[in-house]
Protein backbone atom coordinates (compact mmCIF):
# COMPACT_ATOMS: atom_id res chain seq x y z
CA MET A 1 11.22 -8.78 17.76
CA VAL A 2 10.35 -5.18 17.06
CA ALA A 3 9.92 -3.18 13.89
CA VAL A 4 13.10 -1.61 12.59
CA PRO A 5 12.93 2.20 12.90
CA ARG A 6 14.25 4.07 9.91
CA ALA A 7 17.43 6.08 10.10
CA PRO A 8 17.12 9.87 10.42
CA GLY A 9 16.36 11.36 7.05
CA GLU A 10 15.45 8.03 5.45
CA PRO A 11 12.06 8.08 3.70
CA SER A 12 9.43 5.93 5.35
CA ARG A 13 8.72 2.60 3.66
CA ARG A 14 5.14 3.50 2.91
CA SER A 15 6.01 6.94 1.52
CA LEU A 16 7.93 5.11 -1.18
CA LEU A 17 5.40 2.34 -1.62
CA ARG A 18 2.44 4.69 -2.07
CA ALA A 19 4.23 6.70 -4.75
CA GLY A 20 3.60 4.20 -7.51
CA GLY A 21 -0.17 4.43 -7.87
CA ALA A 22 -0.24 7.03 -10.64
CA ALA A 23 3.14 6.30 -12.23
CA ALA A 24 3.48 6.88 -15.94
CA LEU A 25 3.06 3.67 -17.93
CA VAL A 26 6.05 4.29 -20.18
CA ALA A 27 9.57 2.97 -20.17
CA GLY A 28 12.58 5.18 -19.61
CA GLY A 29 16.14 4.78 -20.71
CA GLY A 30 17.71 2.23 -23.01
CA ALA A 31 18.18 -1.49 -22.81
CA LEU A 32 19.35 -2.83 -19.49
CA ALA A 33 22.26 -5.10 -18.79
CA GLY A 34 21.52 -8.80 -18.28
CA CYS A 35 19.94 -9.59 -14.94
CA GLY A 36 21.42 -13.01 -14.29
CA THR A 37 24.78 -13.60 -12.65
CA GLY A 38 25.33 -17.03 -14.19
CA PRO A 39 24.32 -18.94 -17.34
CA ALA A 40 21.17 -17.82 -19.14
CA ASP A 41 19.20 -20.74 -17.71
CA GLY A 42 20.44 -19.91 -14.21
CA VAL A 43 21.83 -23.39 -13.57
CA GLY A 44 25.48 -23.46 -12.49
CA PRO A 45 27.97 -26.31 -12.93
CA ASP A 46 27.04 -27.56 -9.45
CA GLY A 47 23.35 -27.70 -10.37
CA ARG A 48 22.48 -24.70 -8.20
CA VAL A 49 19.91 -22.34 -9.74
CA THR A 50 20.46 -18.59 -9.41
CA ILE A 51 17.48 -16.24 -9.57
CA GLN A 52 17.42 -12.44 -9.45
CA LEU A 53 15.21 -10.59 -6.96
CA TRP A 54 14.44 -6.90 -7.40
CA HIS A 55 13.11 -6.24 -3.90
CA GLY A 56 12.53 -2.46 -4.14
CA GLN A 57 12.98 -1.81 -0.42
CA THR A 58 14.73 0.97 1.50
CA ASP A 59 17.60 0.24 3.88
CA SER A 60 15.66 -1.04 6.89
CA ALA A 61 13.26 -3.29 4.97
CA ALA A 62 16.08 -4.39 2.66
CA LYS A 63 17.93 -5.75 5.70
CA VAL A 64 14.86 -7.77 6.64
CA ILE A 65 14.64 -9.23 3.13
CA LYS A 66 18.35 -10.03 3.21
CA GLY A 67 17.87 -11.92 6.49
CA LEU A 68 14.96 -13.87 5.01
CA VAL A 69 16.99 -14.74 1.92
CA GLU A 70 19.77 -16.06 4.14
CA ARG A 71 17.24 -18.23 5.97
CA PHE A 72 15.89 -19.50 2.67
CA HIS A 73 19.39 -20.43 1.50
CA ARG A 74 19.92 -22.58 4.58
CA SER A 75 16.81 -24.64 3.85
CA HIS A 76 17.14 -24.56 0.03
CA PRO A 77 20.85 -25.00 -0.78
CA ASP A 78 20.05 -25.74 -4.44
CA ILE A 79 18.70 -22.18 -5.03
CA ASN A 80 20.66 -18.92 -4.87
CA VAL A 81 18.66 -15.68 -4.62
CA ASP A 82 20.69 -12.75 -5.96
CA MET A 83 19.47 -9.44 -4.48
CA GLY A 84 21.60 -7.28 -6.75
CA GLY A 85 20.16 -4.91 -9.34
CA GLY A 86 16.74 -3.36 -9.32
CA VAL A 87 15.61 0.00 -7.97
CA LEU A 88 13.48 1.39 -5.18
CA ALA A 89 9.83 0.44 -5.42
CA ASP A 90 8.63 3.83 -6.66
CA ALA A 91 10.72 3.44 -9.85
CA MET A 92 10.06 -0.28 -10.32
CA LEU A 93 7.32 0.06 -12.94
CA GLN A 94 9.52 2.05 -15.31
CA LYS A 95 12.48 -0.29 -14.89
CA ILE A 96 10.41 -3.46 -15.28
CA THR A 97 8.76 -2.03 -18.41
CA ALA A 98 12.18 -1.26 -19.89
CA ALA A 99 13.54 -4.65 -18.84
CA LEU A 100 10.66 -6.49 -20.52
CA ALA A 101 11.20 -4.48 -23.69
CA SER A 102 14.90 -5.38 -23.71
CA GLY A 103 14.28 -9.06 -22.97
CA SER A 104 16.48 -8.95 -19.87
CA TYR A 105 14.33 -8.98 -16.75
CA PRO A 106 14.54 -10.37 -13.20
CA ASP A 107 12.90 -13.54 -11.93
CA ILE A 108 10.98 -11.75 -9.15
CA ALA A 109 10.15 -8.08 -8.66
CA TYR A 110 8.32 -6.07 -6.02
CA VAL A 111 5.42 -4.52 -7.97
CA PHE A 112 2.84 -2.16 -6.52
CA GLY A 113 -0.64 -3.63 -6.44
CA SER A 114 -1.89 -0.62 -8.39
CA ASP A 115 0.64 -1.38 -11.17
CA LEU A 116 0.12 -5.15 -11.40
CA ALA A 117 -2.56 -5.00 -14.10
CA SER A 118 -0.21 -3.09 -16.40
CA VAL A 119 2.77 -5.36 -15.74
CA ALA A 120 0.71 -8.57 -16.02
CA ARG A 121 -0.20 -7.75 -19.62
CA SER A 122 3.25 -9.09 -20.50
CA PRO A 123 3.32 -12.79 -21.46
CA GLU A 124 6.52 -13.08 -19.44
CA VAL A 125 4.59 -12.71 -16.17
CA VAL A 126 4.00 -16.17 -14.72
CA ASP A 127 0.44 -17.28 -13.98
CA LEU A 128 0.48 -18.60 -10.40
CA THR A 129 -3.13 -19.82 -10.19
CA SER A 130 -2.34 -23.52 -10.06
CA GLN A 131 0.49 -22.95 -7.62
CA VAL A 132 -1.59 -21.17 -4.98
CA ASN A 133 -4.48 -23.61 -5.35
CA GLU A 134 -2.40 -26.77 -5.16
CA GLY A 135 0.83 -25.87 -3.38
CA PRO A 136 1.70 -25.12 0.24
CA THR A 137 0.83 -21.41 -0.05
CA PRO A 138 -1.92 -20.74 2.58
CA TRP A 139 -4.12 -19.19 -0.13
CA ARG A 140 -7.50 -19.85 1.44
CA ASN A 141 -6.14 -18.58 4.74
CA PHE A 142 -5.02 -15.25 3.28
CA TRP A 143 -7.04 -12.18 4.13
CA ALA A 144 -9.44 -11.35 1.30
CA PRO A 145 -7.61 -8.12 0.28
CA ALA A 146 -4.36 -10.08 -0.16
CA ARG A 147 -6.08 -12.49 -2.55
CA GLN A 148 -8.01 -9.82 -4.43
CA ALA A 149 -4.98 -7.62 -5.03
CA VAL A 150 -3.17 -10.29 -7.07
CA THR A 151 -6.14 -11.69 -9.00
CA ILE A 152 -6.94 -10.44 -12.50
CA ASN A 153 -9.89 -11.88 -14.43
CA GLY A 154 -9.97 -14.85 -12.11
CA ARG A 155 -6.26 -15.68 -12.51
CA VAL A 156 -3.57 -15.22 -9.84
CA ARG A 157 -0.83 -13.13 -11.46
CA ALA A 158 1.44 -12.58 -8.43
CA VAL A 159 1.61 -13.36 -4.73
CA PRO A 160 1.01 -10.74 -2.03
CA ALA A 161 4.11 -9.12 -0.55
CA VAL A 162 2.86 -6.42 1.83
CA LEU A 163 -0.54 -6.05 3.48
CA ASP A 164 -1.80 -3.02 5.35
CA CYS A 165 -4.93 -0.92 5.87
CA LEU A 166 -5.94 2.49 7.18
CA ALA A 167 -7.11 3.45 10.66
CA VAL A 168 -6.97 6.70 12.64
CA VAL A 169 -4.24 7.37 15.20
CA CYS A 170 -5.07 9.97 17.86
CA ASN A 171 -2.74 11.96 20.11
CA LYS A 172 -4.25 11.32 23.55
CA LYS A 173 -2.52 14.35 25.11
CA LEU A 174 -4.02 16.78 22.61
CA PHE A 175 -7.48 15.26 23.05
CA ALA A 176 -7.20 15.72 26.82
CA GLU A 177 -6.01 19.32 26.48
CA ALA A 178 -8.93 20.12 24.18
CA GLY A 179 -11.42 18.37 26.44
CA VAL A 180 -12.48 16.03 23.63
CA ASP A 181 -13.36 12.37 24.21
CA LEU A 182 -11.35 9.82 22.27
CA PRO A 183 -13.37 8.34 19.40
CA GLU A 184 -14.57 4.76 19.40
CA ALA A 185 -15.32 2.24 16.68
CA GLY A 186 -18.52 3.08 14.80
CA TRP A 187 -17.98 6.85 14.70
CA THR A 188 -19.02 8.87 11.65
CA TRP A 189 -17.31 11.24 9.25
CA GLU A 190 -19.47 14.04 10.66
CA GLU A 191 -18.06 13.24 14.09
CA PHE A 192 -14.58 13.14 12.58
CA THR A 193 -14.85 16.64 11.10
CA ASP A 194 -16.40 17.97 14.31
CA THR A 195 -13.58 16.43 16.35
CA ALA A 196 -10.95 17.88 14.01
CA ARG A 197 -12.50 21.33 14.39
CA ARG A 198 -12.50 21.09 18.21
CA LEU A 199 -8.88 19.93 18.28
CA THR A 200 -7.68 22.80 16.08
CA ASP A 201 -6.01 25.76 17.79
CA ALA A 202 -4.48 28.29 15.42
CA SER A 203 -2.79 30.18 18.25
CA LYS A 204 -0.75 27.05 19.04
CA GLY A 205 -0.22 26.04 15.42
CA ARG A 206 -2.28 22.91 16.05
CA PHE A 207 -4.36 21.08 13.46
CA GLY A 208 -7.15 18.60 13.95
CA THR A 209 -5.93 16.33 11.16
CA GLY A 210 -3.92 16.23 7.95
CA TRP A 211 -4.28 15.24 4.31
CA PRO A 212 -1.66 14.66 1.59
CA GLY A 213 -2.01 17.47 -0.93
CA THR A 214 0.03 16.49 -3.97
CA GLY A 215 -2.63 14.51 -5.84
CA ASP A 216 -0.66 11.28 -5.67
CA GLU A 217 -1.95 7.87 -4.60
CA ASP A 218 -1.51 8.80 -0.94
CA THR A 219 -3.98 11.63 -1.54
CA VAL A 220 -6.44 9.36 -3.34
CA TRP A 221 -6.63 6.07 -1.53
CA ARG A 222 -8.04 7.76 1.58
CA MET A 223 -11.13 8.61 -0.49
CA TRP A 224 -12.12 5.10 -1.51
CA PRO A 225 -13.45 3.89 1.88
CA MET A 226 -15.93 6.77 1.82
CA VAL A 227 -16.96 5.98 -1.75
CA TRP A 228 -17.45 2.29 -0.98
CA ASP A 229 -19.37 3.00 2.22
CA LEU A 230 -21.77 5.19 0.24
CA GLY A 231 -22.39 2.38 -2.27
CA GLY A 232 -20.11 3.60 -5.03
CA ASP A 233 -17.07 2.01 -6.62
CA VAL A 234 -13.94 3.01 -8.48
CA ILE A 235 -15.26 1.76 -11.84
CA GLY A 236 -18.93 1.50 -12.74
CA ASP A 237 -20.69 -1.79 -13.38
CA ASP A 238 -20.48 -1.41 -17.16
CA GLY A 239 -16.73 -0.79 -17.02
CA ARG A 240 -17.04 2.30 -19.21
CA GLY A 241 -17.11 5.02 -16.58
CA ILE A 242 -16.35 5.84 -12.97
CA GLY A 243 -18.58 4.42 -10.27
CA PHE A 244 -18.45 7.41 -7.91
CA ALA A 245 -20.05 10.34 -9.74
CA LYS A 246 -22.50 10.93 -6.88
CA GLU A 247 -20.62 9.29 -4.00
CA GLY A 248 -17.42 11.19 -4.82
CA VAL A 249 -19.21 14.50 -4.26
CA ARG A 250 -20.33 13.46 -0.79
CA ALA A 251 -16.84 12.19 0.05
CA LEU A 252 -15.27 15.44 -1.10
CA GLU A 253 -17.72 17.37 1.04
CA VAL A 254 -15.91 15.89 4.04
CA VAL A 255 -12.67 17.32 2.68
CA ARG A 256 -14.39 20.66 2.03
CA ASP A 257 -15.68 20.78 5.61
CA LEU A 258 -12.17 20.24 6.98
CA VAL A 259 -10.89 23.05 4.77
CA ARG A 260 -13.78 25.33 5.77
CA ASP A 261 -12.98 24.78 9.45
CA LYS A 262 -9.25 25.30 8.82
CA SER A 263 -8.72 22.08 10.74
CA VAL A 264 -6.67 20.19 8.15
CA TYR A 265 -2.95 20.44 7.50
CA VAL A 266 -2.38 20.02 3.75
CA ASP A 267 1.00 18.45 3.05
CA PRO A 268 2.38 20.04 -0.14
CA LYS A 269 5.17 17.51 -0.69
CA PRO A 270 5.11 13.91 -1.97
CA GLY A 271 5.38 11.13 0.58
CA SER A 272 3.36 12.82 3.35
CA GLU A 273 6.53 13.17 5.43
CA GLN A 274 5.69 16.70 6.55
CA MET A 275 2.19 15.67 7.61
CA TYR A 276 3.60 12.89 9.77
CA ARG A 277 6.24 15.21 11.23
CA VAL A 278 3.50 17.62 12.31
CA PHE A 279 1.70 14.74 14.03
CA LEU A 280 4.87 13.41 15.67
CA SER A 281 5.75 16.88 16.96
CA GLY A 282 2.45 17.12 18.88
CA ARG A 283 0.77 19.65 16.58
CA MET A 284 -1.88 17.39 15.04
CA GLY A 285 -4.65 15.58 16.88
CA MET A 286 -5.51 12.79 14.42
CA VAL A 287 -3.98 11.19 11.35
CA ALA A 288 -5.26 8.42 9.10
CA THR A 289 -2.38 6.03 8.60
CA GLY A 290 -1.28 2.42 8.67
CA PRO A 291 0.79 0.17 10.91
CA TRP A 292 3.99 1.22 9.15
CA GLN A 293 3.86 4.49 11.10
CA LEU A 294 3.80 2.93 14.58
CA PRO A 295 7.60 2.64 15.00
CA ASP A 296 7.99 6.38 14.40
CA ILE A 297 5.06 7.20 16.70
CA THR A 298 6.54 5.04 19.44
CA GLN A 299 10.01 6.48 18.93
CA ALA A 300 8.57 10.03 19.22
CA LYS A 301 6.95 9.00 22.54
CA VAL A 302 3.47 10.02 21.41
CA ASP A 303 0.81 8.64 23.74
CA TYR A 304 -1.55 7.35 21.10
CA HIS A 305 -4.94 5.73 20.58
CA VAL A 306 -5.93 3.76 17.45
CA VAL A 307 -9.51 3.67 16.21
CA PRO A 308 -11.03 2.33 12.96
CA LEU A 309 -11.81 4.75 10.16
CA PRO A 310 -15.09 6.67 10.47
CA SER A 311 -17.93 5.85 8.11
CA PHE A 312 -21.23 7.33 6.99
CA SER A 313 -23.15 4.16 7.83
CA ARG A 314 -21.45 3.29 11.15
CA ARG A 315 -20.46 0.01 9.50
CA PRO A 316 -16.73 -0.83 9.42
CA VAL A 317 -14.98 -0.15 6.13
CA THR A 318 -11.36 0.54 5.28
CA ILE A 319 -8.91 0.22 2.41
CA SER A 320 -5.98 -2.13 2.08
CA GLY A 321 -3.10 -1.49 -0.31
CA PRO A 322 -1.34 -4.83 -0.84
CA ASP A 323 1.76 -4.92 -3.00
CA THR A 324 3.09 -7.97 -4.81
CA TRP A 325 5.94 -10.31 -5.61
CA THR A 326 5.59 -10.78 -9.36
CA VAL A 327 7.34 -13.73 -11.03
CA PHE A 328 8.77 -13.59 -14.57
CA ASP A 329 9.56 -16.47 -16.93
CA ASN A 330 13.28 -16.93 -17.53
CA GLY A 331 13.07 -20.60 -18.39
CA SER A 332 11.81 -23.62 -16.51
CA ALA A 333 14.64 -23.95 -13.97
CA ARG A 334 14.58 -20.30 -12.90
CA LYS A 335 10.78 -20.14 -13.00
CA THR A 336 10.51 -23.16 -10.71
CA ALA A 337 13.09 -21.72 -8.32
CA ALA A 338 11.33 -18.33 -8.26
CA ARG A 339 8.01 -19.99 -7.51
CA THR A 340 9.66 -21.94 -4.69
CA PHE A 341 11.06 -18.76 -3.16
CA VAL A 342 7.84 -16.69 -3.23
CA THR A 343 5.88 -19.66 -1.90
CA TRP A 344 8.35 -19.89 0.99
CA LEU A 345 8.04 -16.15 1.68
CA ASN A 346 4.28 -16.53 2.05
CA GLN A 347 4.54 -19.26 4.67
CA PRO A 348 3.50 -18.19 8.20
CA GLY A 349 7.02 -18.23 9.65
CA PRO A 350 8.78 -15.97 7.10
CA ASP A 351 5.63 -13.87 6.62
CA SER A 352 5.22 -13.12 10.32
CA ARG A 353 8.87 -12.14 10.56
CA TRP A 354 8.52 -9.83 7.55
CA ALA A 355 5.36 -8.27 9.01
CA VAL A 356 6.95 -7.68 12.41
CA GLU A 357 10.24 -6.26 11.21
CA ALA A 358 9.10 -4.32 8.13
CA GLY A 359 5.95 -2.75 9.60
CA SER A 360 3.14 -4.48 7.71
CA LEU A 361 0.34 -6.88 8.66
CA PRO A 362 0.30 -10.69 8.45
CA LEU A 363 -0.92 -11.99 5.09
CA SER A 364 -2.86 -14.85 6.65
CA ARG A 365 -4.58 -15.88 9.84
CA ARG A 366 -1.93 -18.55 10.29
CA SER A 367 0.74 -15.84 10.25
CA GLN A 368 -1.30 -13.81 12.72
CA ASP A 369 -1.30 -16.78 15.11
CA ARG A 370 2.49 -17.10 15.13
CA PRO A 371 4.22 -16.33 18.48
CA ALA A 372 6.36 -13.62 16.84
CA TRP A 373 3.29 -11.65 15.78
CA ARG A 374 1.46 -12.13 19.09
CA GLU A 375 4.52 -10.88 20.99
CA HIS A 376 4.80 -7.94 18.62
CA THR A 377 1.18 -6.86 19.18
CA GLU A 378 1.80 -6.84 22.94
CA LYS A 379 4.63 -4.34 22.41
CA MET A 380 2.64 -2.17 19.96
CA PRO A 381 -0.68 -1.10 21.52
CA GLY A 382 -3.38 -0.50 18.94
CA LEU A 383 -1.89 -2.79 16.31
CA PRO A 384 -4.80 -5.28 16.57
CA VAL A 385 -7.15 -2.50 15.38
CA TRP A 386 -5.55 -2.67 11.92
CA THR A 387 -5.53 -6.45 11.88
CA LYS A 388 -9.20 -6.62 12.83
CA ALA A 389 -10.02 -3.99 10.20
CA LEU A 390 -8.74 -6.33 7.47
CA ALA A 391 -12.02 -8.21 7.75
CA SER A 392 -13.82 -5.18 6.29
CA ALA A 393 -11.05 -3.97 3.99
CA ARG A 394 -11.39 -3.59 0.25
CA VAL A 395 -8.77 -3.05 -2.44
CA ARG A 396 -8.56 -0.86 -5.48
CA PRO A 397 -9.42 -2.62 -8.75
CA VAL A 398 -6.59 -4.43 -10.50
CA HIS A 399 -7.25 -2.60 -13.76
CA PRO A 400 -4.82 -1.00 -16.25
CA ALA A 401 -6.84 2.25 -16.25
CA TYR A 402 -6.60 2.66 -12.48
CA PRO A 403 -3.50 4.92 -12.52
CA ARG A 404 -5.32 7.39 -14.79
CA ILE A 405 -8.43 7.32 -12.58
CA SER A 406 -6.27 7.89 -9.52
CA GLN A 407 -4.49 10.79 -11.16
CA SER A 408 -7.79 12.44 -12.08
CA LEU A 409 -9.27 11.99 -8.61
CA GLY A 410 -6.04 13.20 -7.03
CA GLN A 411 -6.34 16.47 -8.93
CA ALA A 412 -9.95 16.75 -7.80
CA VAL A 413 -9.04 16.26 -4.14
CA VAL A 414 -6.28 18.85 -4.35
CA SER A 415 -8.61 21.36 -6.00
CA VAL A 416 -10.97 21.04 -3.02
CA LEU A 417 -8.16 21.07 -0.45
CA LEU A 418 -6.92 24.35 -1.96
CA GLY A 419 -10.43 25.83 -2.21
CA ARG A 420 -10.30 26.11 -5.99
CA LYS A 421 -13.36 23.99 -6.80
CA SER A 422 -16.52 22.81 -5.16
CA PRO A 423 -16.88 19.05 -4.61
CA ALA A 424 -19.40 18.79 -7.46
CA ASP A 425 -17.21 20.69 -9.94
CA ALA A 426 -14.16 18.68 -8.90
CA VAL A 427 -15.92 15.36 -9.51
CA ARG A 428 -17.20 16.53 -12.89
CA SER A 429 -13.66 17.34 -13.99
CA CYS A 430 -12.44 14.03 -12.61
CA ALA A 431 -15.17 12.09 -14.41
CA SER A 432 -14.37 13.69 -17.76
CA GLU A 433 -10.73 12.59 -17.60
CA ALA A 434 -11.23 9.22 -15.90
CA ASN A 435 -14.05 8.13 -18.21
CA ALA A 436 -11.85 8.87 -21.22
CA ALA A 437 -9.17 6.59 -19.78
CA LEU A 438 -11.69 3.77 -19.43
CA LEU A 439 -12.85 4.13 -23.05
CA ILE A 440 -9.35 3.97 -24.54
CA PRO A 441 -8.28 0.35 -25.28
CA ARG A 442 -5.26 -0.51 -23.20
């Protein structure tokens, strides 16, 4: 099996998934229509339980989910999963918030990992701790980022849906033309900026690398591996302020150096689609991205090389951005059926199929060992680099203030990308806003 390439003009899956990190935490619109298609308890006259799934996916990934649901129905004839309703993932937070307020919400929804802490404040979100510890879910076999992204204050509030991480993809042709050696694991950010400078050729409209420039989560999450590598964190130990006041300055100095050398393409539009188009057209030497981009790179016939992210310490570090299947309580019958479905999705067979066809990484080592995934990696050179990087991946904190912190840091990154502020001034502005968000009870 191979990953499903998106149709021309269709947004990439990850461009939609990354959009939710700094979403407003307010509901929009009025009360929603009822989510169920049968009786309120979901149990039909034949005893079959109907549950509603808001999957949030675009066309290609939605087809994969539909195929998985059909497989589930064959092995679980007493449960009907209704895929109707819902919205794309980038609008899910607003719709779920409104649905909870109206008392008419789905049984399962695709919720961004960065939004889970806000959603899980609702008492209608089902605590899945006992299920993952006692049931057939391969919890202990999951990669650490997958477990961390759904755990809040020691309780499991969702199950992982999508797992990925960042690495650097290089255009081998451009490296050869510039006479630059391809990077290897263990390289540094100083080597990265030097390589970007050497790959840049203004006369040919060629950039060394690119960076999202809208201040959204796609702009921000590329900063955290640098912060973590330097010993910082998103939130300080006392929980009352940011944990990157010093480390953020050093990380932004990397961005400043790219701007100084005019070696970075700054994408002015949300979703990073223009940045990826520049890379796919052969006018960018390197791009930090995830496995979701490989189908497009392959389709564009780019001869590519994948290498782990650089670091300051030469130790491996990357970021993973898992998203979640969050279960809501619509009564015991529907809750039990929803738990059964998400547990089934996390099993190695369905999970490996989802990872292969939707462009993510296996949630567990057992999924990684499935024949479908092994065959897929043989067809997609470089894919094992991302899988191996999961061992050193970290996730953003599952904290209700995170969207505000992300928004503040996003503005800081953009101010440096556009040459409006120094790294130190940008971090000071970020700290003022982000610290206020951490002090306000939420």
